Protein backbone atom coordinates (compact mmCIF):
# COMPACT_ATOMS: atom_id res chain seq x y z
CA GLN A 1 -0.02 0.00 0.19
CA VAL A 2 0.66 3.35 -0.35
CA GLN A 3 -0.77 6.95 1.18
CA LEU A 4 -0.36 10.17 -0.95
CA VAL A 5 -0.77 13.46 0.81
CA GLU A 6 -0.90 16.07 -1.35
CA SER A 7 -0.94 20.02 0.41
CA GLY A 8 -0.58 23.86 -0.58
CA GLY A 9 -3.77 24.16 -3.04
CA GLY A 10 -6.14 26.82 -2.62
CA LEU A 11 -7.41 31.13 -4.46
CA VAL A 12 -4.59 32.05 -5.94
CA GLN A 13 -6.19 35.34 -8.48
CA ALA A 14 -4.88 35.04 -12.41
CA GLY A 15 -1.12 35.13 -12.83
CA ARG A 16 -0.06 34.64 -9.50
CA SER A 17 1.57 31.21 -8.58
CA LEU A 18 0.95 28.54 -6.05
CA ARG A 19 3.07 25.15 -5.74
CA LEU A 20 1.35 21.97 -4.26
CA SER A 21 3.58 19.16 -2.56
CA CYS A 22 2.60 14.64 -2.60
CA ALA A 23 4.35 13.27 0.11
CA ALA A 24 4.19 9.06 -0.41
CA SER A 25 4.23 6.57 2.73
CA GLY A 26 3.86 2.66 2.29
CA ILE A 27 5.87 0.90 0.04
CA THR A 28 7.92 3.26 -1.55
CA PHE A 29 10.62 1.46 -1.55
CA ALA A 30 8.06 0.80 -4.75
CA ILE A 31 7.43 3.55 -6.49
CA ASN A 32 7.82 3.93 -10.10
CA THR A 33 6.93 7.16 -11.75
CA MET A 34 4.85 10.43 -9.70
CA GLY A 35 3.04 12.54 -11.59
CA TRP A 36 -0.12 15.46 -10.88
CA TYR A 37 -3.67 15.10 -12.90
CA ARG A 38 -6.54 17.83 -12.60
CA GLN A 39 -10.05 17.08 -12.61
CA ALA A 40 -12.73 20.21 -13.29
CA PRO A 41 -16.43 20.38 -12.86
CA GLY A 42 -18.35 18.66 -16.47
CA LYS A 43 -14.52 17.00 -17.04
CA GLN A 44 -12.36 14.19 -17.15
CA ARG A 45 -9.16 13.96 -15.04
CA GLU A 46 -6.19 14.93 -17.27
CA LEU A 47 -2.44 14.53 -16.86
CA VAL A 48 -0.49 17.59 -15.97
CA ALA A 49 2.41 16.26 -15.01
CA THR A 50 4.99 12.92 -13.90
CA ILE A 51 8.29 12.95 -13.66
CA SER A 52 10.59 9.66 -13.34
CA SER A 53 11.20 7.79 -10.78
CA SER A 54 15.43 9.73 -10.63
CA GLY A 55 13.49 12.60 -11.69
CA GLY A 56 16.08 13.60 -14.10
CA SER A 57 12.75 12.56 -16.64
CA THR A 58 9.75 15.29 -17.16
CA ASN A 59 6.21 14.67 -18.67
CA TYR A 60 3.33 18.55 -19.42
CA GLN A 61 0.53 18.76 -21.33
CA ASP A 62 0.97 21.53 -23.73
CA SER A 63 -1.63 23.98 -21.60
CA VAL A 64 0.54 24.09 -18.96
CA LYS A 65 4.26 23.57 -20.50
CA GLY A 66 6.54 26.50 -19.42
CA ARG A 67 4.04 27.48 -16.28
CA PHE A 68 4.43 24.41 -14.08
CA THR A 69 7.15 22.87 -13.54
CA ILE A 70 7.14 18.88 -11.55
CA SER A 71 9.89 18.73 -9.21
CA ARG A 72 11.15 15.68 -7.24
CA ASP A 73 12.62 14.31 -4.01
CA LYS A 74 12.93 10.76 -3.60
CA ASN A 75 9.27 10.31 -2.42
CA THR A 76 7.56 13.30 -2.77
CA ILE A 77 6.68 15.97 -5.35
CA SER A 78 6.31 19.06 -6.04
CA LEU A 79 3.88 21.54 -8.34
CA GLN A 80 5.33 25.04 -9.08
CA MET A 81 2.49 26.47 -10.90
CA THR A 82 2.45 30.10 -12.23
CA SER A 83 0.78 32.72 -14.41
CA LEU A 84 -2.13 30.75 -13.56
CA LYS A 85 -5.15 30.90 -15.96
CA PRO A 86 -9.06 31.15 -14.62
CA GLU A 87 -8.76 27.22 -16.43
CA ASP A 88 -6.54 25.47 -15.48
CA THR A 89 -9.06 25.61 -12.15
CA ALA A 90 -9.42 21.61 -11.30
CA VAL A 91 -9.13 19.72 -8.21
CA TYR A 92 -5.58 17.98 -8.77
CA TYR A 93 -4.38 14.91 -7.85
CA CYS A 94 -0.98 13.16 -7.30
CA ASN A 95 -0.42 10.12 -8.21
CA ALA A 96 2.09 6.90 -8.25
CA VAL A 97 2.58 4.14 -10.35
CA VAL A 98 3.88 1.33 -8.36
CA VAL A 99 5.90 -1.91 -10.01
CA LEU A 100 5.59 -4.51 -7.64
CA ALA A 101 4.64 -8.13 -9.94
CA THR A 102 1.85 -6.11 -10.83
CA VAL A 103 1.46 -2.91 -11.98
CA PHE A 104 -0.86 -0.42 -9.18
CA HIS A 105 -2.43 3.64 -9.52
CA TYR A 106 -2.54 5.54 -5.86
CA TRP A 107 -4.54 8.71 -5.94
CA GLY A 108 -3.83 10.72 -3.28
CA GLN A 109 -7.72 12.92 -2.44
CA GLY A 110 -7.76 16.10 -3.97
CA THR A 111 -6.29 19.53 -3.32
CA GLN A 112 -8.63 22.46 -4.61
CA VAL A 113 -6.72 24.82 -6.73
CA THR A 114 -9.07 27.87 -7.99
CA VAL A 115 -7.42 30.90 -10.04
CA SER A 116 -10.32 34.00 -9.75
CA SER A 117 -9.56 36.10 -13.32
């Protein structure tokens, strides 16, 4: 089992910055990729950014490239969000991919990010 605890969400004006963090506990030795997803009201959950186990490889959704930066320190990841837009408003979820005999996906409880115009 892996537990993910997110922090850092909130209400911010457009153009400002916000930083999200996610700390993993449990069988952290088996965690591979970690990442952030988001879900806006009435929409499907979508990938925001992922980072490899070493932190050397990252992947971003096109709409956040150049504005968001994902980083990793062992089993804690952060998402630095700058130049926020109202369309970034969503619940942000931390994700961890655990590789044992089977691949498991674990999710955090979600943290609300609201960007006002």
